Amino acid sequence: MSMVANLQRISSELLHDLLQGGVELEAVIYSDEGKENESLYLDKSWHAIHYLLNGAAWEGTEPLVHTVLGGTPIGGETDEEDQPTRYLTVEQVKQIHAALVIISEEELIRRYNPEQMRKLDLYPSLEWDDDGDREYVMDYYQELVDYYRLAAASDQAMLLYIS
């Protein structure tokens, strides 16, 4: 089973309703209504992106640690193999966006270290040496930055989940 990351922009009102139990989380995540414009699929690039932003497999510093793997868990109990859906508030989205835009593509390429990525056993355990691997990660990273830009400009919160 592969693990892919998804981000979904939502209004602060919908986040409030989710937190208060007025709307079921599954109804939001699995709804097709408007989702093509509201969600971002990161495929398996999520772990490498987290590493490039934080220099570590799981740890990091505020606010970048929350970009892909952070946020506050929402919903019911999960077992060890299931990652909980998490949320970011509008303010957190704006803080992350502000931190993302000051990181240049050149800086990320400098941080791209195949040997260290293998050593940290980043998912999906690629060799990471191939130019195609780097391009794959960088393409998804650019989509991520654009996605956060749109969410911040639209005063939106966000759901993050790995499925």
N, C-alpha and C. Protein backbone atom coordinates (compact mmCIF):
# COMPACT_ATOMS: atom_id res chain seq x y z
N MET A 1 0.84 -1.18 0.00
CA MET A 1 0.00 0.00 0.00
C MET A 1 0.89 1.24 0.00
N SER A 2 0.62 2.15 -0.88
CA SER A 2 1.41 3.38 -0.92
C SER A 2 0.76 4.45 -0.06
N MET A 3 1.57 5.40 0.37
CA MET A 3 1.09 6.51 1.17
C MET A 3 1.27 7.79 0.37
N VAL A 4 0.16 8.45 0.10
CA VAL A 4 0.18 9.69 -0.66
C VAL A 4 -0.42 10.80 0.19
N ALA A 5 0.08 12.01 0.00
CA ALA A 5 -0.39 13.15 0.79
C ALA A 5 -1.40 13.97 -0.01
N ASN A 6 -2.37 14.48 0.72
CA ASN A 6 -3.40 15.35 0.16
C ASN A 6 -3.57 16.55 1.08
N LEU A 7 -3.78 17.70 0.48
CA LEU A 7 -4.10 18.91 1.22
C LEU A 7 -5.42 19.41 0.67
N GLN A 8 -6.26 19.93 1.52
CA GLN A 8 -7.56 20.41 1.07
C GLN A 8 -7.87 21.76 1.71
N ARG A 9 -8.04 22.77 0.87
CA ARG A 9 -8.40 24.10 1.36
C ARG A 9 -9.87 24.08 1.78
N ILE A 10 -10.14 24.69 2.94
CA ILE A 10 -11.52 24.80 3.42
C ILE A 10 -11.70 26.18 4.04
N SER A 11 -12.93 26.61 4.12
CA SER A 11 -13.22 27.90 4.76
C SER A 11 -13.06 27.77 6.27
N SER A 12 -12.84 28.89 6.92
CA SER A 12 -12.74 28.87 8.38
C SER A 12 -14.08 28.47 8.99
N GLU A 13 -15.18 28.79 8.31
CA GLU A 13 -16.50 28.39 8.79
C GLU A 13 -16.66 26.87 8.75
N LEU A 14 -16.20 26.25 7.68
CA LEU A 14 -16.28 24.80 7.59
C LEU A 14 -15.38 24.15 8.63
N LEU A 15 -14.20 24.70 8.85
CA LEU A 15 -13.33 24.17 9.90
C LEU A 15 -14.03 24.26 11.25
N HIS A 16 -14.66 25.38 11.54
CA HIS A 16 -15.39 25.53 12.80
C HIS A 16 -16.47 24.46 12.92
N ASP A 17 -17.23 24.25 11.85
CA ASP A 17 -18.29 23.23 11.87
C ASP A 17 -17.71 21.83 12.09
N LEU A 18 -16.57 21.55 11.47
CA LEU A 18 -15.92 20.25 11.68
C LEU A 18 -15.50 20.07 13.14
N LEU A 19 -14.93 21.11 13.71
CA LEU A 19 -14.46 21.02 15.09
C LEU A 19 -15.60 20.93 16.09
N GLN A 20 -16.74 21.50 15.74
CA GLN A 20 -17.90 21.46 16.62
C GLN A 20 -18.75 20.21 16.41
N GLY A 21 -18.41 19.42 15.40
CA GLY A 21 -19.16 18.19 15.13
C GLY A 21 -20.40 18.38 14.28
N GLY A 22 -20.56 19.57 13.72
CA GLY A 22 -21.73 19.84 12.88
C GLY A 22 -21.62 19.25 11.48
N VAL A 23 -20.42 18.90 11.09
CA VAL A 23 -20.16 18.31 9.77
C VAL A 23 -19.21 17.14 9.99
N GLU A 24 -19.49 16.04 9.31
CA GLU A 24 -18.62 14.86 9.40
C GLU A 24 -17.37 15.05 8.54
N LEU A 25 -16.23 14.70 9.08
CA LEU A 25 -14.97 14.83 8.37
C LEU A 25 -14.99 14.06 7.05
N GLU A 26 -15.50 12.85 7.08
CA GLU A 26 -15.55 12.02 5.87
C GLU A 26 -16.38 12.68 4.77
N ALA A 27 -17.42 13.40 5.16
CA ALA A 27 -18.26 14.08 4.18
C ALA A 27 -17.48 15.16 3.45
N VAL A 28 -16.54 15.77 4.12
CA VAL A 28 -15.72 16.82 3.50
C VAL A 28 -14.61 16.19 2.65
N ILE A 29 -13.92 15.23 3.21
CA ILE A 29 -12.78 14.62 2.51
C ILE A 29 -13.22 13.85 1.27
N TYR A 30 -14.31 13.12 1.38
CA TYR A 30 -14.72 12.25 0.28
C TYR A 30 -15.76 12.87 -0.64
N SER A 31 -16.08 14.12 -0.44
CA SER A 31 -17.02 14.80 -1.32
C SER A 31 -16.29 15.22 -2.60
N ASP A 32 -16.95 15.04 -3.73
CA ASP A 32 -16.37 15.47 -5.00
C ASP A 32 -16.73 16.91 -5.33
N GLU A 33 -17.65 17.48 -4.58
CA GLU A 33 -18.15 18.82 -4.87
C GLU A 33 -17.04 19.87 -4.72
N GLY A 34 -16.64 20.47 -5.82
CA GLY A 34 -15.64 21.52 -5.81
C GLY A 34 -14.23 21.07 -5.47
N LYS A 35 -14.02 19.78 -5.31
CA LYS A 35 -12.73 19.29 -4.82
C LYS A 35 -11.58 19.50 -5.81
N GLU A 36 -11.87 19.48 -7.10
CA GLU A 36 -10.79 19.62 -8.06
C GLU A 36 -10.09 20.97 -7.91
N ASN A 37 -10.79 21.97 -7.39
CA ASN A 37 -10.19 23.28 -7.19
C ASN A 37 -9.69 23.49 -5.77
N GLU A 38 -10.13 22.67 -4.86
CA GLU A 38 -9.85 22.88 -3.45
C GLU A 38 -8.77 21.96 -2.89
N SER A 39 -8.37 20.93 -3.62
CA SER A 39 -7.42 19.98 -3.05
C SER A 39 -6.12 19.92 -3.86
N LEU A 40 -5.08 19.47 -3.18
CA LEU A 40 -3.78 19.28 -3.81
C LEU A 40 -3.29 17.88 -3.49
N TYR A 41 -2.96 17.15 -4.51
CA TYR A 41 -2.43 15.79 -4.39
C TYR A 41 -0.92 15.88 -4.54
N LEU A 42 -0.19 15.42 -3.52
CA LEU A 42 1.28 15.48 -3.55
C LEU A 42 1.93 14.15 -3.87
N ASP A 43 1.12 13.14 -4.15
CA ASP A 43 1.63 11.82 -4.44
C ASP A 43 2.59 11.40 -3.32
N LYS A 44 3.69 10.78 -3.66
CA LYS A 44 4.64 10.29 -2.66
C LYS A 44 5.78 11.27 -2.39
N SER A 45 5.65 12.48 -2.86
CA SER A 45 6.71 13.48 -2.69
C SER A 45 6.73 14.10 -1.29
N TRP A 46 5.71 13.85 -0.51
CA TRP A 46 5.51 14.54 0.77
C TRP A 46 6.69 14.44 1.73
N HIS A 47 7.31 13.26 1.84
CA HIS A 47 8.37 13.09 2.82
C HIS A 47 9.64 13.84 2.38
N ALA A 48 9.94 13.79 1.10
CA ALA A 48 11.10 14.52 0.58
C ALA A 48 10.89 16.03 0.73
N ILE A 49 9.67 16.50 0.49
CA ILE A 49 9.38 17.93 0.66
C ILE A 49 9.58 18.33 2.11
N HIS A 50 9.07 17.52 3.03
CA HIS A 50 9.25 17.82 4.45
C HIS A 50 10.75 17.90 4.78
N TYR A 51 11.52 16.95 4.27
CA TYR A 51 12.97 16.95 4.51
C TYR A 51 13.62 18.23 3.96
N LEU A 52 13.28 18.61 2.73
CA LEU A 52 13.88 19.79 2.13
C LEU A 52 13.57 21.05 2.93
N LEU A 53 12.39 21.11 3.50
CA LEU A 53 11.99 22.29 4.27
C LEU A 53 12.57 22.31 5.68
N ASN A 54 12.81 21.12 6.25
CA ASN A 54 13.17 21.04 7.66
C ASN A 54 14.52 20.41 7.96
N GLY A 55 15.14 19.75 6.98
CA GLY A 55 16.42 19.12 7.19
C GLY A 55 16.37 17.87 8.06
N ALA A 56 15.18 17.32 8.23
CA ALA A 56 15.00 16.13 9.07
C ALA A 56 13.84 15.31 8.51
N ALA A 57 13.80 14.04 8.90
CA ALA A 57 12.74 13.16 8.40
C ALA A 57 11.38 13.49 9.00
N TRP A 58 11.33 13.82 10.28
CA TRP A 58 10.04 14.05 10.95
C TRP A 58 10.00 15.35 11.74
N GLU A 59 11.13 15.80 12.22
CA GLU A 59 11.17 16.99 13.04
C GLU A 59 11.24 18.23 12.16
N GLY A 60 11.27 19.39 12.81
CA GLY A 60 11.42 20.63 12.08
C GLY A 60 11.17 21.81 12.98
N THR A 61 11.18 22.98 12.38
CA THR A 61 10.94 24.21 13.13
C THR A 61 9.68 24.89 12.63
N GLU A 62 9.10 25.67 13.52
CA GLU A 62 7.89 26.43 13.19
C GLU A 62 8.21 27.46 12.12
N PRO A 63 7.34 27.75 11.23
CA PRO A 63 6.09 27.06 10.94
C PRO A 63 6.23 25.95 9.90
N LEU A 64 7.45 25.80 9.32
CA LEU A 64 7.61 24.87 8.19
C LEU A 64 7.38 23.41 8.57
N VAL A 65 7.56 23.05 9.82
CA VAL A 65 7.32 21.67 10.24
C VAL A 65 5.86 21.26 9.99
N HIS A 66 4.97 22.25 9.91
CA HIS A 66 3.55 21.96 9.72
C HIS A 66 3.11 21.92 8.25
N THR A 67 3.99 22.23 7.33
CA THR A 67 3.62 22.38 5.92
C THR A 67 2.94 21.14 5.35
N VAL A 68 3.49 19.97 5.61
CA VAL A 68 2.95 18.73 5.06
C VAL A 68 2.55 17.76 6.17
N LEU A 69 3.34 17.67 7.22
CA LEU A 69 3.13 16.66 8.26
C LEU A 69 2.57 17.23 9.56
N GLY A 70 2.31 18.52 9.59
CA GLY A 70 1.89 19.13 10.85
C GLY A 70 0.40 19.31 10.98
N GLY A 71 0.06 20.28 11.77
CA GLY A 71 -1.34 20.55 12.03
C GLY A 71 -1.82 19.84 13.28
N THR A 72 -3.06 20.10 13.62
CA THR A 72 -3.71 19.53 14.79
C THR A 72 -4.60 18.38 14.35
N PRO A 73 -4.46 17.21 14.98
CA PRO A 73 -5.31 16.07 14.59
C PRO A 73 -6.80 16.40 14.77
N ILE A 74 -7.59 15.89 13.85
CA ILE A 74 -9.03 16.08 13.90
C ILE A 74 -9.68 14.73 13.63
N GLY A 75 -10.79 14.48 14.25
CA GLY A 75 -11.49 13.23 14.00
C GLY A 75 -11.25 12.23 15.10
N GLY A 76 -11.63 11.00 14.84
CA GLY A 76 -11.59 9.94 15.84
C GLY A 76 -10.24 9.31 16.00
N GLU A 77 -10.24 8.24 16.75
CA GLU A 77 -9.02 7.49 17.01
C GLU A 77 -8.53 6.82 15.73
N THR A 78 -7.22 6.68 15.63
CA THR A 78 -6.63 5.97 14.50
C THR A 78 -5.68 4.93 15.04
N ASP A 79 -5.46 3.87 14.24
CA ASP A 79 -4.48 2.88 14.68
C ASP A 79 -3.09 3.33 14.24
N GLU A 80 -2.08 2.54 14.57
CA GLU A 80 -0.71 2.94 14.28
C GLU A 80 -0.43 3.13 12.80
N GLU A 81 -1.15 2.41 11.95
CA GLU A 81 -0.89 2.50 10.51
C GLU A 81 -1.63 3.64 9.85
N ASP A 82 -2.67 4.15 10.48
CA ASP A 82 -3.43 5.26 9.91
C ASP A 82 -2.92 6.58 10.46
N GLN A 83 -2.69 7.51 9.58
CA GLN A 83 -2.33 8.85 10.00
C GLN A 83 -3.63 9.65 10.17
N PRO A 84 -3.77 10.38 11.26
CA PRO A 84 -4.99 11.16 11.42
C PRO A 84 -5.02 12.33 10.45
N THR A 85 -6.22 12.72 10.06
CA THR A 85 -6.37 13.96 9.31
C THR A 85 -6.05 15.09 10.28
N ARG A 86 -5.35 16.09 9.78
CA ARG A 86 -4.97 17.22 10.62
C ARG A 86 -5.47 18.50 9.97
N TYR A 87 -5.53 19.56 10.75
CA TYR A 87 -5.96 20.83 10.19
C TYR A 87 -4.99 21.95 10.55
N LEU A 88 -4.99 22.96 9.69
CA LEU A 88 -4.26 24.20 9.92
C LEU A 88 -5.28 25.32 9.92
N THR A 89 -5.14 26.27 10.82
CA THR A 89 -6.02 27.43 10.85
C THR A 89 -5.61 28.40 9.73
N VAL A 90 -6.45 29.37 9.48
CA VAL A 90 -6.14 30.40 8.48
C VAL A 90 -4.81 31.07 8.83
N GLU A 91 -4.62 31.41 10.09
CA GLU A 91 -3.38 32.07 10.52
C GLU A 91 -2.16 31.18 10.29
N GLN A 92 -2.27 29.90 10.58
CA GLN A 92 -1.16 28.97 10.35
C GLN A 92 -0.84 28.87 8.86
N VAL A 93 -1.87 28.82 8.03
CA VAL A 93 -1.67 28.77 6.57
C VAL A 93 -0.89 29.99 6.12
N LYS A 94 -1.26 31.16 6.63
CA LYS A 94 -0.57 32.39 6.24
C LYS A 94 0.88 32.40 6.73
N GLN A 95 1.13 31.90 7.93
CA GLN A 95 2.50 31.84 8.45
C GLN A 95 3.36 30.89 7.61
N ILE A 96 2.79 29.75 7.25
CA ILE A 96 3.53 28.79 6.42
C ILE A 96 3.82 29.39 5.05
N HIS A 97 2.81 30.02 4.46
CA HIS A 97 3.01 30.64 3.15
C HIS A 97 4.14 31.68 3.22
N ALA A 98 4.13 32.51 4.24
CA ALA A 98 5.17 33.54 4.38
C ALA A 98 6.56 32.92 4.50
N ALA A 99 6.66 31.78 5.15
CA ALA A 99 7.95 31.10 5.28
C ALA A 99 8.35 30.43 3.97
N LEU A 100 7.39 29.91 3.23
CA LEU A 100 7.70 29.22 1.98
C LEU A 100 8.23 30.17 0.91
N VAL A 101 7.65 31.35 0.82
CA VAL A 101 8.01 32.24 -0.28
C VAL A 101 9.42 32.81 -0.17
N ILE A 102 10.03 32.72 1.00
CA ILE A 102 11.40 33.24 1.12
C ILE A 102 12.47 32.18 0.82
N ILE A 103 12.03 30.95 0.57
CA ILE A 103 12.97 29.88 0.23
C ILE A 103 13.05 29.78 -1.29
N SER A 104 14.22 30.01 -1.83
CA SER A 104 14.38 29.96 -3.29
C SER A 104 14.51 28.52 -3.76
N GLU A 105 14.23 28.33 -5.03
CA GLU A 105 14.41 27.01 -5.63
C GLU A 105 15.87 26.59 -5.55
N GLU A 106 16.78 27.54 -5.72
CA GLU A 106 18.21 27.24 -5.63
C GLU A 106 18.57 26.72 -4.24
N GLU A 107 17.98 27.31 -3.21
CA GLU A 107 18.24 26.86 -1.85
C GLU A 107 17.74 25.44 -1.65
N LEU A 108 16.56 25.13 -2.16
CA LEU A 108 16.03 23.77 -2.03
C LEU A 108 16.91 22.77 -2.76
N ILE A 109 17.39 23.14 -3.93
CA ILE A 109 18.27 22.25 -4.69
C ILE A 109 19.56 22.01 -3.90
N ARG A 110 20.07 23.04 -3.23
CA ARG A 110 21.26 22.86 -2.38
C ARG A 110 20.97 21.89 -1.22
N ARG A 111 19.76 21.92 -0.72
CA ARG A 111 19.38 21.05 0.40
C ARG A 111 19.13 19.61 -0.04
N TYR A 112 18.95 19.41 -1.33
CA TYR A 112 18.64 18.08 -1.86
C TYR A 112 19.89 17.21 -1.77
N ASN A 113 19.91 16.28 -0.84
CA ASN A 113 21.09 15.47 -0.56
C ASN A 113 20.70 13.99 -0.62
N PRO A 114 20.87 13.35 -1.78
CA PRO A 114 20.45 11.95 -1.93
C PRO A 114 21.01 11.01 -0.87
N GLU A 115 22.28 11.20 -0.51
CA GLU A 115 22.89 10.32 0.49
C GLU A 115 22.17 10.45 1.84
N GLN A 116 21.92 11.68 2.26
CA GLN A 116 21.23 11.90 3.53
C GLN A 116 19.77 11.42 3.46
N MET A 117 19.14 11.61 2.32
CA MET A 117 17.75 11.18 2.15
C MET A 117 17.64 9.65 2.26
N ARG A 118 18.61 8.95 1.69
CA ARG A 118 18.64 7.48 1.83
C ARG A 118 18.89 7.08 3.28
N LYS A 119 19.83 7.77 3.90
CA LYS A 119 20.18 7.47 5.29
C LYS A 119 18.96 7.64 6.21
N LEU A 120 18.16 8.66 5.95
CA LEU A 120 16.96 8.91 6.75
C LEU A 120 15.80 8.01 6.35
N ASP A 121 15.99 7.23 5.29
CA ASP A 121 14.96 6.31 4.79
C ASP A 121 13.65 7.03 4.50
N LEU A 122 13.77 8.13 3.75
CA LEU A 122 12.59 8.89 3.39
C LEU A 122 11.68 8.07 2.49
N TYR A 123 10.40 8.14 2.76
CA TYR A 123 9.42 7.44 1.95
C TYR A 123 9.40 8.08 0.57
N PRO A 124 9.33 7.32 -0.49
CA PRO A 124 9.12 5.89 -0.65
C PRO A 124 10.40 5.09 -0.85
N SER A 125 11.47 5.46 -0.20
CA SER A 125 12.75 4.73 -0.25
C SER A 125 13.32 4.63 -1.66
N LEU A 126 13.36 5.75 -2.34
CA LEU A 126 14.00 5.82 -3.66
C LEU A 126 15.51 5.97 -3.45
N GLU A 127 16.25 5.84 -4.53
CA GLU A 127 17.68 6.11 -4.46
C GLU A 127 17.93 7.61 -4.36
N TRP A 128 17.06 8.42 -4.93
CA TRP A 128 17.09 9.88 -4.89
C TRP A 128 18.21 10.49 -5.73
N ASP A 129 19.05 9.66 -6.38
CA ASP A 129 20.17 10.18 -7.17
C ASP A 129 19.75 10.66 -8.56
N ASP A 130 18.73 10.09 -9.07
CA ASP A 130 18.29 10.36 -10.43
C ASP A 130 17.76 11.79 -10.56
N ASP A 131 18.10 12.45 -11.67
CA ASP A 131 17.58 13.80 -11.91
C ASP A 131 16.06 13.80 -11.93
N GLY A 132 15.48 12.70 -12.40
CA GLY A 132 14.02 12.59 -12.43
C GLY A 132 13.41 12.60 -11.04
N ASP A 133 14.11 12.01 -10.06
CA ASP A 133 13.63 12.03 -8.68
C ASP A 133 13.60 13.46 -8.15
N ARG A 134 14.69 14.19 -8.39
CA ARG A 134 14.75 15.58 -7.92
C ARG A 134 13.69 16.43 -8.61
N GLU A 135 13.52 16.24 -9.90
CA GLU A 135 12.52 17.00 -10.64
C GLU A 135 11.11 16.68 -10.15
N TYR A 136 10.86 15.41 -9.86
CA TYR A 136 9.57 14.97 -9.32
C TYR A 136 9.25 15.72 -8.03
N VAL A 137 10.21 15.78 -7.12
CA VAL A 137 10.00 16.47 -5.84
C VAL A 137 9.84 17.97 -6.05
N MET A 138 10.69 18.56 -6.88
CA MET A 138 10.64 20.01 -7.09
C MET A 138 9.34 20.44 -7.77
N ASP A 139 8.83 19.63 -8.69
CA ASP A 139 7.56 19.97 -9.34
C ASP A 139 6.43 20.00 -8.33
N TYR A 140 6.38 18.98 -7.47
CA TYR A 140 5.33 18.97 -6.45
C TYR A 140 5.54 20.09 -5.43
N TYR A 141 6.77 20.40 -5.14
CA TYR A 141 7.04 21.50 -4.21
C TYR A 141 6.48 22.81 -4.76
N GLN A 142 6.70 23.07 -6.04
CA GLN A 142 6.19 24.31 -6.63
C GLN A 142 4.66 24.35 -6.58
N GLU A 143 4.02 23.21 -6.82
CA GLU A 143 2.56 23.15 -6.69
C GLU A 143 2.14 23.46 -5.26
N LEU A 144 2.90 22.96 -4.30
CA LEU A 144 2.60 23.20 -2.89
C LEU A 144 2.69 24.69 -2.55
N VAL A 145 3.74 25.36 -3.00
CA VAL A 145 3.90 26.79 -2.75
C VAL A 145 2.73 27.56 -3.36
N ASP A 146 2.38 27.24 -4.60
CA ASP A 146 1.26 27.91 -5.26
C ASP A 146 -0.05 27.67 -4.51
N TYR A 147 -0.21 26.46 -4.01
CA TYR A 147 -1.42 26.09 -3.28
C TYR A 147 -1.53 26.89 -1.98
N TYR A 148 -0.43 26.99 -1.25
CA TYR A 148 -0.44 27.79 -0.01
C TYR A 148 -0.67 29.26 -0.32
N ARG A 149 -0.11 29.75 -1.43
CA ARG A 149 -0.33 31.15 -1.82
C ARG A 149 -1.82 31.41 -2.02
N LEU A 150 -2.48 30.54 -2.75
CA LEU A 150 -3.91 30.70 -3.01
C LEU A 150 -4.72 30.60 -1.72
N ALA A 151 -4.38 29.64 -0.87
CA ALA A 151 -5.11 29.48 0.40
C ALA A 151 -4.93 30.70 1.29
N ALA A 152 -3.71 31.21 1.39
CA ALA A 152 -3.44 32.38 2.23
C ALA A 152 -4.18 33.61 1.69
N ALA A 153 -4.14 33.80 0.38
CA ALA A 153 -4.81 34.95 -0.23
C ALA A 153 -6.33 34.87 -0.10
N SER A 154 -6.85 33.65 0.02
CA SER A 154 -8.30 33.44 0.12
C SER A 154 -8.77 33.28 1.56
N ASP A 155 -7.88 33.50 2.52
CA ASP A 155 -8.22 33.34 3.94
C ASP A 155 -8.83 31.98 4.22
N GLN A 156 -8.16 30.94 3.77
CA GLN A 156 -8.66 29.58 3.96
C GLN A 156 -7.82 28.80 4.96
N ALA A 157 -8.48 27.89 5.64
CA ALA A 157 -7.83 26.92 6.51
C ALA A 157 -7.47 25.72 5.63
N MET A 158 -6.93 24.67 6.22
CA MET A 158 -6.52 23.54 5.41
C MET A 158 -6.62 22.24 6.19
N LEU A 159 -6.99 21.18 5.47
CA LEU A 159 -6.92 19.82 5.99
C LEU A 159 -5.72 19.15 5.34
N LEU A 160 -4.99 18.32 6.09
CA LEU A 160 -3.85 17.57 5.58
C LEU A 160 -4.05 16.12 5.95
N TYR A 161 -3.87 15.23 4.99
CA TYR A 161 -4.01 13.81 5.31
C TYR A 161 -3.19 12.96 4.36
N ILE A 162 -2.72 11.86 4.90
CA ILE A 162 -1.98 10.86 4.12
C ILE A 162 -2.88 9.66 4.00
N SER A 163 -3.09 9.23 2.77
CA SER A 163 -3.97 8.08 2.55
C SER A 163 -3.25 7.01 1.77
